[in-house]
């Protein structure tokens, strides 16, 4: 499709948001609270079940509380997760990130189903937000200068919708990103994640446990209603066309390789047919805005799910954009586009840091080479010995801010240098 040139005229909404995943709904929440007329468009008529975006970090909880979303999640029995723990295959701890150390009103993570998180966001939309499902946006409208002025919807009932600004929240393969001339090149990791939802769980700790094993990453955390989410790293073809017998054999091999999963053996075997195979990508768009349009969420970035940063970064995008637009006269295109550029400047640096942190964590936890496993365990153990580094890594994971590890920190992790700054360095 090509950009359609249009002359300026009356608008149908202040903001049109394309895509009603977490990014789009979070943006609608945040912008609706500013009293803006927001039109939220979603191509799917209903949300399909998918194992993604289930862990909310403390920084996101603070934002969701401000938008009135958090009470709805808690009323639906969201599970508080106090720690993120890297473990050996036998369950022994390598590194523990204790969120209770953080100086924040909500020093914990929350887990819930992705669909429920979307429901709670949807229930918290303000009265100035209109939400239409089953609407596919297939083109952008522009004025004679190339500035985006709205969207065109597809189908026999397609129509032109003019807006002061458009937000592209249409996911990793974003059509609007491409139409606006912005680029991103998603790169697939050399493995995938096999997801299981276990019911009738035996007791497991209220934490995210990530196991470093010879076969790669295994991750376990509780969900509401006595359920457990389990992710297992697999190669792209590991279970292609596997029959029931092969699946049970694979499960037995997994339980042998990761003894810590022993208490889950029965429910894991019973859940083999409900598995989902998830590809894993990383990418960052080189730019986030063009005049009249901005990217948010997975249209702008993607990270390995190990560190639970993707959904949380999308929520941060929405909050940052709303903050930039809060005091702007949207009828002033120059001021509006300046606010979009300020959003881009702020978020590009933050996204870069989150991307680097998530990718480093993924390399440490998912390597299946002998050298990679040795190096990963050494880095984890080195971090565990330093209270300062443990705190800094926990803070970075929390979404409250970012204090990237420097070269000296890496040398401390490797045991090359002693940690001469052992005192806990934090702003409390």
Protein backbone atom coordinates (compact mmCIF):
# COMPACT_ATOMS: atom_id res chain seq x y z
CA UNK A 1 0.00 0.00 0.00
CA UNK A 2 1.10 3.60 -0.50
CA UNK A 3 0.57 6.65 1.66
CA UNK A 4 -2.57 8.49 0.58
CA UNK A 5 -2.24 12.27 0.45
CA UNK A 6 -5.10 14.22 1.94
CA UNK A 7 -5.75 17.87 2.70
CA UNK A 8 -6.17 18.92 6.35
CA UNK A 9 -9.73 18.92 7.59
CA UNK A 10 -11.87 18.14 10.63
CA UNK A 11 -10.70 15.17 12.70
CA UNK A 12 -12.67 12.13 13.81
CA UNK A 13 -10.53 11.64 16.95
CA UNK A 14 -7.61 13.24 18.71
CA UNK A 15 -5.68 9.97 18.65
CA UNK A 16 -6.25 6.80 16.65
CA UNK A 17 -4.55 3.73 18.16
CA UNK A 18 -4.15 0.73 15.89
CA UNK A 19 -3.88 -2.50 17.87
CA UNK A 20 -5.49 -3.47 21.17
CA UNK A 21 -2.76 -5.56 22.76
CA UNK A 22 -1.19 -4.38 25.99
CA UNK A 23 0.55 -1.44 24.31
CA UNK A 24 -2.57 -0.16 22.60
CA UNK A 25 -4.83 -0.61 25.62
CA UNK A 26 -2.26 0.93 27.97
CA UNK A 27 -1.95 3.94 25.67
CA UNK A 28 -5.74 4.25 25.51
CA UNK A 29 -5.90 4.16 29.32
CA UNK A 30 -3.19 6.77 29.74
CA UNK A 31 -4.43 9.12 27.00
CA UNK A 32 -8.06 8.72 27.99
CA UNK A 33 -7.18 9.93 31.48
CA UNK A 34 -5.96 13.14 29.84
CA UNK A 35 -9.47 13.66 28.47
CA UNK A 36 -8.42 13.07 24.88
CA UNK A 37 -10.84 11.66 22.31
CA UNK A 38 -9.24 8.27 21.56
CA UNK A 39 -10.34 5.75 18.95
CA UNK A 40 -8.89 2.26 19.52
CA UNK A 41 -9.05 -0.11 16.52
CA UNK A 42 -8.37 -3.86 16.69
CA UNK A 43 -8.51 -6.26 13.75
CA UNK A 44 -9.36 -9.35 15.85
CA UNK A 45 -12.94 -9.76 17.01
CA UNK A 46 -11.79 -11.62 20.12
CA UNK A 47 -8.48 -12.23 21.86
CA UNK A 48 -7.09 -15.74 21.22
CA UNK A 49 -5.47 -17.53 24.17
CA UNK A 50 -1.69 -17.21 24.07
CA UNK A 51 1.05 -17.81 26.63
CA UNK A 52 2.78 -14.43 26.67
CA UNK A 53 3.04 -11.30 28.78
CA UNK A 54 1.98 -12.82 32.09
CA UNK A 55 4.42 -11.20 34.54
CA UNK A 56 4.10 -7.54 35.53
CA UNK A 57 7.09 -5.80 37.11
CA UNK A 58 6.89 -3.28 40.03
CA UNK A 59 7.35 -0.30 37.72
CA UNK A 60 4.34 -1.39 35.68
CA UNK A 61 2.28 -2.01 38.81
CA UNK A 62 2.77 1.60 39.87
CA UNK A 63 1.52 2.80 36.48
CA UNK A 64 -1.42 0.38 36.44
CA UNK A 65 -2.40 1.54 39.92
CA UNK A 66 -2.49 5.13 38.68
CA UNK A 67 -4.73 4.11 35.77
CA UNK A 68 -7.13 2.18 38.02
CA UNK A 69 -6.20 -1.19 36.50
CA UNK A 70 -4.37 -2.80 39.41
CA UNK A 71 -7.42 -3.29 41.71
CA UNK A 72 -9.16 -5.25 38.94
CA UNK A 73 -6.13 -7.54 38.56
CA UNK A 74 -5.89 -8.10 42.28
CA UNK A 75 -9.63 -8.83 42.47
CA UNK A 76 -9.04 -11.57 39.90
CA UNK A 77 -6.53 -13.25 42.23
CA UNK A 78 -3.31 -12.16 40.51
CA UNK A 79 -0.35 -13.90 42.17
CA UNK A 80 2.38 -11.89 43.88
CA UNK A 81 5.87 -13.06 42.96
CA UNK A 82 8.53 -11.92 45.41
CA UNK A 83 11.72 -13.16 43.78
CA UNK A 84 13.34 -14.02 40.49
CA UNK A 85 15.76 -16.91 41.05
CA UNK A 86 18.32 -18.45 38.71
CA UNK A 87 18.82 -22.10 39.68
CA UNK A 88 20.82 -25.14 38.68
CA UNK A 89 18.99 -28.13 37.25
CA UNK A 90 18.79 -29.71 40.70
CA UNK A 91 17.05 -26.61 42.09
CA UNK A 92 19.96 -25.13 44.03
CA UNK A 93 20.20 -21.34 43.83
CA UNK A 94 22.74 -19.55 41.68
CA UNK A 95 21.43 -15.98 41.95
CA UNK A 96 18.40 -14.55 43.74
CA UNK A 97 16.84 -11.18 42.93
CA UNK A 98 14.68 -10.26 45.91
CA UNK A 99 12.16 -7.58 44.98
CA UNK A 100 11.42 -6.99 48.64
CA UNK A 101 14.69 -5.02 48.81
CA UNK A 102 13.37 -2.36 46.47
CA UNK A 103 12.27 1.00 47.80
CA UNK A 104 8.89 1.11 46.13
CA UNK A 105 5.28 0.92 47.25
CA UNK A 106 4.82 -2.43 45.49
CA UNK A 107 8.04 -4.46 45.81
CA UNK A 108 6.79 -7.53 43.99
CA UNK A 109 5.78 -8.81 40.56
CA UNK A 110 2.29 -9.99 39.61
CA UNK A 111 1.37 -12.90 37.36
CA UNK A 112 -1.88 -13.39 35.50
CA UNK A 113 -3.11 -14.59 32.11
CA UNK A 114 -2.41 -12.24 29.23
CA UNK A 115 -6.09 -12.20 28.29
CA UNK A 116 -7.05 -11.19 31.83
CA UNK A 117 -4.52 -8.36 31.82
CA UNK A 118 -6.09 -7.13 28.58
CA UNK A 119 -9.57 -7.41 30.10
CA UNK A 120 -8.58 -5.32 33.12
CA UNK A 121 -7.02 -2.66 30.91
CA UNK A 122 -10.14 -2.63 28.76
CA UNK A 123 -12.40 -2.21 31.79
CA UNK A 124 -10.38 0.82 32.90
CA UNK A 125 -10.73 2.84 29.68
CA UNK A 126 -12.16 6.29 30.28
CA UNK A 127 -15.36 7.67 28.82
CA UNK A 128 -13.51 9.46 26.02
CA UNK A 129 -12.14 6.19 24.59
CA UNK A 130 -14.03 4.35 21.84
CA UNK A 131 -13.01 0.76 21.08
CA UNK A 132 -13.91 -0.99 17.83
CA UNK A 133 -13.06 -4.64 17.15
CA UNK A 134 -12.93 -6.43 13.82
CA UNK A 135 -11.46 -3.37 12.07
CA UNK A 136 -8.32 -3.78 9.97
CA UNK A 137 -6.30 -0.67 9.17
CA UNK A 138 -4.65 -1.11 5.79
CA UNK A 139 -3.34 2.35 4.89
CA UNK A 140 -2.26 5.73 6.25
CA UNK A 141 -3.61 9.13 5.26
CA UNK A 142 -1.14 11.99 4.78
CA UNK A 143 -1.31 15.63 3.87
CA UNK A 144 0.54 17.27 1.01
CA UNK A 145 3.69 17.46 3.15
CA UNK A 146 3.73 13.77 4.00
CA UNK A 147 2.52 14.21 7.58
CA UNK A 148 0.27 11.36 8.79
CA UNK A 149 -3.25 12.64 9.32
CA UNK A 150 -5.21 9.44 9.87
CA UNK A 151 -5.87 5.91 8.65
CA UNK A 152 -7.99 4.03 6.15
CA UNK A 153 -9.72 0.80 7.13
CA UNK A 154 -10.05 -2.24 4.88
CA UNK A 155 -13.03 -4.08 3.45
CA UNK A 156 -16.26 -3.17 1.73
CA UNK A 157 -17.18 -0.93 4.66
CA UNK A 158 -13.72 0.65 4.79
CA UNK A 159 -13.56 4.29 5.68
CA UNK A 160 -11.13 7.13 6.19
CA UNK A 161 -10.55 8.20 9.79
CA UNK A 162 -8.75 11.47 10.41
CA UNK A 163 -6.86 12.12 13.63
CA UNK A 164 -4.37 14.56 15.06
CA UNK A 165 -1.96 11.66 15.63
CA UNK A 166 -1.81 7.92 14.97
CA UNK A 167 -0.24 5.34 17.29
CA UNK A 168 0.99 2.10 15.74
CA UNK A 169 0.51 -0.68 18.29
CA UNK A 170 0.04 -3.40 15.68
CA UNK A 171 2.77 -5.80 16.75
CA UNK A 172 6.08 -7.19 15.56
CA UNK A 173 5.13 -7.31 11.86
CA UNK A 174 3.60 -3.83 12.05
CA UNK A 175 1.99 -2.75 8.79
CA UNK A 176 1.89 0.89 9.93
CA UNK A 177 5.59 0.88 10.75
CA UNK A 178 6.32 -0.16 7.19
CA UNK A 179 3.84 2.28 5.65
CA UNK A 180 5.34 5.18 7.58
CA UNK A 181 8.87 4.36 6.41
CA UNK A 182 10.22 3.22 9.77
CA UNK A 183 12.14 -0.04 9.89
CA UNK A 184 12.92 -2.90 12.24
CA UNK A 185 14.55 -6.23 11.51
CA UNK A 186 13.35 -8.93 13.93
CA UNK A 187 16.04 -11.55 14.47
CA UNK A 188 15.01 -14.99 15.67
CA UNK A 189 16.96 -16.67 18.45
CA UNK A 190 18.34 -20.09 17.61
CA UNK A 191 15.79 -21.75 19.88
CA UNK A 192 12.11 -21.64 20.70
CA UNK A 193 10.12 -21.95 23.91
CA UNK A 194 7.63 -24.73 24.52
CA UNK A 195 4.93 -23.49 26.88
CA UNK A 196 2.79 -25.61 29.21
CA UNK A 197 -0.01 -24.64 31.56
CA UNK A 198 -0.22 -27.08 34.47
CA UNK A 199 -3.37 -27.36 36.57
CA UNK A 200 -3.85 -28.80 40.04
CA UNK A 201 -0.37 -27.75 40.97
CA UNK A 202 1.63 -29.08 43.85
CA UNK A 203 3.05 -26.29 46.02
CA UNK A 204 5.60 -24.07 44.27
CA UNK A 205 7.17 -20.90 45.59
CA UNK A 206 5.66 -17.53 44.68
CA UNK A 207 8.60 -16.63 42.49
CA UNK A 208 9.92 -16.94 38.96
CA UNK A 209 12.42 -19.81 38.87
CA UNK A 210 14.75 -19.94 35.86
CA UNK A 211 16.79 -23.13 35.59
CA UNK A 212 20.15 -23.12 33.81
CA UNK A 213 20.47 -26.59 32.36
CA UNK A 214 22.54 -28.46 29.79
CA UNK A 215 19.51 -28.38 27.48
CA UNK A 216 19.01 -24.63 27.94
CA UNK A 217 16.43 -22.59 29.82
CA UNK A 218 13.53 -23.97 31.85
CA UNK A 219 11.30 -21.40 33.56
CA UNK A 220 8.53 -21.96 36.12
CA UNK A 221 6.14 -19.60 37.91
CA UNK A 222 2.63 -19.83 39.42
CA UNK A 223 -0.55 -18.45 37.89
CA UNK A 224 -3.90 -17.86 39.63
CA UNK A 225 -6.27 -20.71 40.45
CA UNK A 226 -3.61 -23.31 41.27
CA UNK A 227 -1.97 -23.23 37.85
CA UNK A 228 1.67 -23.14 36.81
CA UNK A 229 3.35 -21.82 33.69
CA UNK A 230 6.35 -23.81 32.45
CA UNK A 231 8.60 -22.80 29.56
CA UNK A 232 11.14 -25.23 28.13
CA UNK A 233 13.79 -24.27 25.59
CA UNK A 234 13.73 -26.45 22.47
CA UNK A 235 15.30 -26.39 19.03
CA UNK A 236 13.11 -25.40 16.10
CA UNK A 237 12.61 -29.01 14.96
CA UNK A 238 12.91 -30.81 18.30
CA UNK A 239 9.29 -31.94 18.46
CA UNK A 240 8.19 -31.50 14.86
CA UNK A 241 5.46 -34.05 14.07
CA UNK A 242 6.03 -35.77 17.43
CA UNK A 243 3.40 -38.37 18.30
CA UNK A 244 2.14 -39.10 21.80
CA UNK A 245 4.83 -41.70 22.48
CA UNK A 246 7.61 -39.35 21.41
CA UNK A 247 6.17 -36.58 23.60
CA UNK A 248 6.17 -38.82 26.66
CA UNK A 249 9.73 -39.89 25.90
CA UNK A 250 10.73 -36.24 25.57
CA UNK A 251 9.04 -35.44 28.88
CA UNK A 252 10.89 -38.27 30.64
CA UNK A 253 14.19 -36.95 29.24
CA UNK A 254 13.33 -33.45 30.49
CA UNK A 255 12.57 -34.74 34.00
CA UNK A 256 15.87 -36.62 34.02
CA UNK A 257 17.83 -33.57 32.86
CA UNK A 258 16.08 -31.19 35.30
CA UNK A 259 15.51 -33.07 38.59
CA UNK A 260 13.99 -29.95 40.17
CA UNK A 261 10.89 -30.55 38.03
CA UNK A 262 10.24 -33.87 39.74
CA UNK A 263 7.29 -32.62 41.87
CA UNK A 264 5.60 -31.48 38.63
CA UNK A 265 6.10 -34.77 36.76
CA UNK A 266 2.51 -36.01 36.86
CA UNK A 267 0.82 -32.73 35.91
CA UNK A 268 3.47 -32.06 33.26
CA UNK A 269 2.80 -35.41 31.58
CA UNK A 270 -0.93 -34.69 31.72
CA UNK A 271 -0.43 -31.33 29.98
CA UNK A 272 1.63 -32.42 26.98
CA UNK A 273 -1.26 -32.03 24.53
CA UNK A 274 -1.90 -28.42 25.57
CA UNK A 275 1.58 -27.18 24.68
CA UNK A 276 2.26 -24.05 22.63
CA UNK A 277 5.45 -23.58 20.61
CA UNK A 278 6.58 -19.97 20.67
CA UNK A 279 9.22 -18.38 18.41
CA UNK A 280 11.55 -15.93 20.16
CA UNK A 281 12.77 -12.70 18.56
CA UNK A 282 14.77 -9.60 19.38
CA UNK A 283 14.64 -6.26 17.59
CA UNK A 284 14.54 -2.50 18.00
CA UNK A 285 13.12 -0.02 15.50
CA UNK A 286 15.76 2.53 14.52
CA UNK A 287 13.22 5.33 14.96
CA UNK A 288 9.89 5.60 16.73
CA UNK A 289 8.18 8.58 15.14
CA UNK A 290 7.40 10.34 11.92
CA UNK A 291 5.30 13.52 11.76
CA UNK A 292 1.86 12.53 13.01
CA UNK A 293 2.65 8.92 13.98
CA UNK A 294 4.46 7.04 16.77
CA UNK A 295 5.33 3.39 17.40
CA UNK A 296 4.66 1.73 20.75
CA UNK A 297 4.99 -1.78 22.14
CA UNK A 298 5.94 -4.64 19.83
CA UNK A 299 5.68 -2.40 16.80
CA UNK A 300 8.79 -0.69 18.23
CA UNK A 301 10.75 -3.40 20.04
CA UNK A 302 10.96 -7.05 21.04
CA UNK A 303 13.07 -8.90 23.58
CA UNK A 304 13.56 -12.44 24.83
CA UNK A 305 10.75 -13.24 27.30
CA UNK A 306 13.19 -14.57 29.92
CA UNK A 307 13.49 -11.22 31.73
CA UNK A 308 9.75 -10.40 31.43
CA UNK A 309 10.44 -7.00 29.87
CA UNK A 310 8.41 -6.93 26.65
CA UNK A 311 4.94 -6.20 28.04
CA UNK A 312 6.37 -4.00 30.77
CA UNK A 313 8.33 -1.91 28.28
CA UNK A 314 5.13 -1.46 26.25
CA UNK A 315 3.34 -0.13 29.34
CA UNK A 316 6.27 2.23 29.88
CA UNK A 317 5.97 3.42 26.27
CA UNK A 318 2.32 4.32 26.84
CA UNK A 319 3.08 6.21 30.05
CA UNK A 320 6.00 8.11 28.49
CA UNK A 321 3.96 9.13 25.46
CA UNK A 322 1.02 10.30 27.58
CA UNK A 323 3.40 12.35 29.74
CA UNK A 324 4.78 14.10 26.65
CA UNK A 325 1.30 14.86 25.30
CA UNK A 326 -0.24 15.96 28.60
CA UNK A 327 0.37 19.69 28.19
CA UNK A 328 0.39 19.92 24.39
CA UNK A 329 -2.26 21.59 22.26
CA UNK A 330 -2.91 18.78 19.82
CA UNK A 331 -4.28 21.28 17.33
CA UNK A 332 -0.79 22.75 17.06
CA UNK A 333 0.93 20.29 14.73
CA UNK A 334 4.37 21.75 15.35
CA UNK A 335 4.01 21.34 19.12
CA UNK A 336 2.48 17.88 18.73
CA UNK A 337 5.27 16.61 16.49
CA UNK A 338 7.82 18.11 18.87
CA UNK A 339 6.25 16.13 21.71
CA UNK A 340 6.43 12.95 19.62
CA UNK A 341 10.13 13.56 18.95
CA UNK A 342 10.73 14.09 22.67
CA UNK A 343 9.02 10.74 23.33
CA UNK A 344 11.31 9.12 20.77
CA UNK A 345 14.45 10.58 22.34
CA UNK A 346 13.42 9.41 25.80
CA UNK A 347 12.32 5.91 24.84
CA UNK A 348 15.05 5.01 22.35
CA UNK A 349 17.69 5.16 25.08
CA UNK A 350 15.56 3.25 27.56
CA UNK A 351 14.64 0.60 25.00
CA UNK A 352 18.32 0.21 24.11
CA UNK A 353 19.22 -0.45 27.75
CA UNK A 354 16.35 -2.91 28.24
CA UNK A 355 17.25 -4.69 25.01
CA UNK A 356 20.90 -5.03 26.09
CA UNK A 357 19.94 -6.30 29.56
CA UNK A 358 17.44 -8.83 28.21
CA UNK A 359 19.79 -10.12 25.52
CA UNK A 360 22.63 -10.52 28.02
CA UNK A 361 20.35 -12.46 30.36
CA UNK A 362 19.19 -14.65 27.47
CA UNK A 363 22.74 -15.50 26.44
CA UNK A 364 23.67 -16.40 30.00
CA UNK A 365 20.60 -18.59 30.59
CA UNK A 366 20.04 -20.24 27.19
CA UNK A 367 23.49 -21.22 25.97
CA UNK A 368 23.82 -24.94 25.28
CA UNK A 369 27.54 -24.95 24.45
CA UNK A 370 29.94 -26.11 27.14
CA UNK A 371 31.84 -22.82 27.12
CA UNK A 372 28.63 -20.77 27.19
CA UNK A 373 27.25 -22.74 30.14
CA UNK A 374 30.47 -22.35 32.13
CA UNK A 375 30.62 -18.62 31.45
CA UNK A 376 26.94 -18.15 32.31
CA UNK A 377 27.25 -19.91 35.66
CA UNK A 378 30.37 -17.93 36.45
CA UNK A 379 28.61 -14.63 35.78
CA UNK A 380 25.61 -15.65 37.89
CA UNK A 381 27.75 -16.79 40.80
CA UNK A 382 29.89 -13.66 40.59
CA UNK A 383 26.79 -11.49 40.75
CA UNK A 384 25.44 -13.48 43.69
CA UNK A 385 28.59 -12.74 45.71
CA UNK A 386 28.05 -8.97 45.42
CA UNK A 387 25.10 -7.50 47.28
CA UNK A 388 25.54 -4.31 45.29
CA UNK A 389 25.30 -6.09 41.94
CA UNK A 390 22.35 -8.17 43.09
CA UNK A 391 20.49 -5.02 44.04
CA UNK A 392 21.42 -3.24 40.82
CA UNK A 393 20.26 -6.16 38.68
CA UNK A 394 17.01 -6.44 40.64
CA UNK A 395 16.40 -2.71 40.22
CA UNK A 396 17.01 -2.93 36.47
CA UNK A 397 14.61 -5.86 36.13
CA UNK A 398 11.92 -4.08 38.15
CA UNK A 399 11.12 -1.39 35.60
CA UNK A 400 11.64 1.33 38.19
CA UNK A 401 14.69 2.65 36.35
CA UNK A 402 17.89 1.55 34.69
CA UNK A 403 21.48 1.55 35.96
CA UNK A 404 23.36 -0.42 33.31
CA UNK A 405 26.30 -2.56 34.41
CA UNK A 406 29.66 -1.16 33.40
CA UNK A 407 32.93 -2.81 32.42
CA UNK A 408 34.16 -2.95 36.02
CA UNK A 409 30.89 -4.60 37.05
CA UNK A 410 31.42 -7.30 34.42
CA UNK A 411 34.93 -7.92 35.71
CA UNK A 412 33.53 -8.29 39.23
CA UNK A 413 30.96 -10.78 37.92
CA UNK A 414 33.75 -12.80 36.32
CA UNK A 415 35.79 -12.75 39.53
CA UNK A 416 38.65 -10.88 37.83
CA UNK A 417 38.32 -7.93 40.23
CA UNK A 418 37.06 -7.73 43.81
CA UNK A 419 33.99 -5.61 44.39
CA UNK A 420 35.46 -2.56 46.10
CA UNK A 421 32.02 -0.99 46.32
CA UNK A 422 30.45 -3.66 48.47
CA UNK A 423 28.14 -1.30 50.28
CA UNK A 424 24.70 -1.37 48.74
CA UNK A 425 24.50 1.58 46.40
CA UNK A 426 20.93 2.67 45.93
CA UNK A 427 18.77 5.75 46.02
CA UNK A 428 16.24 5.13 48.73
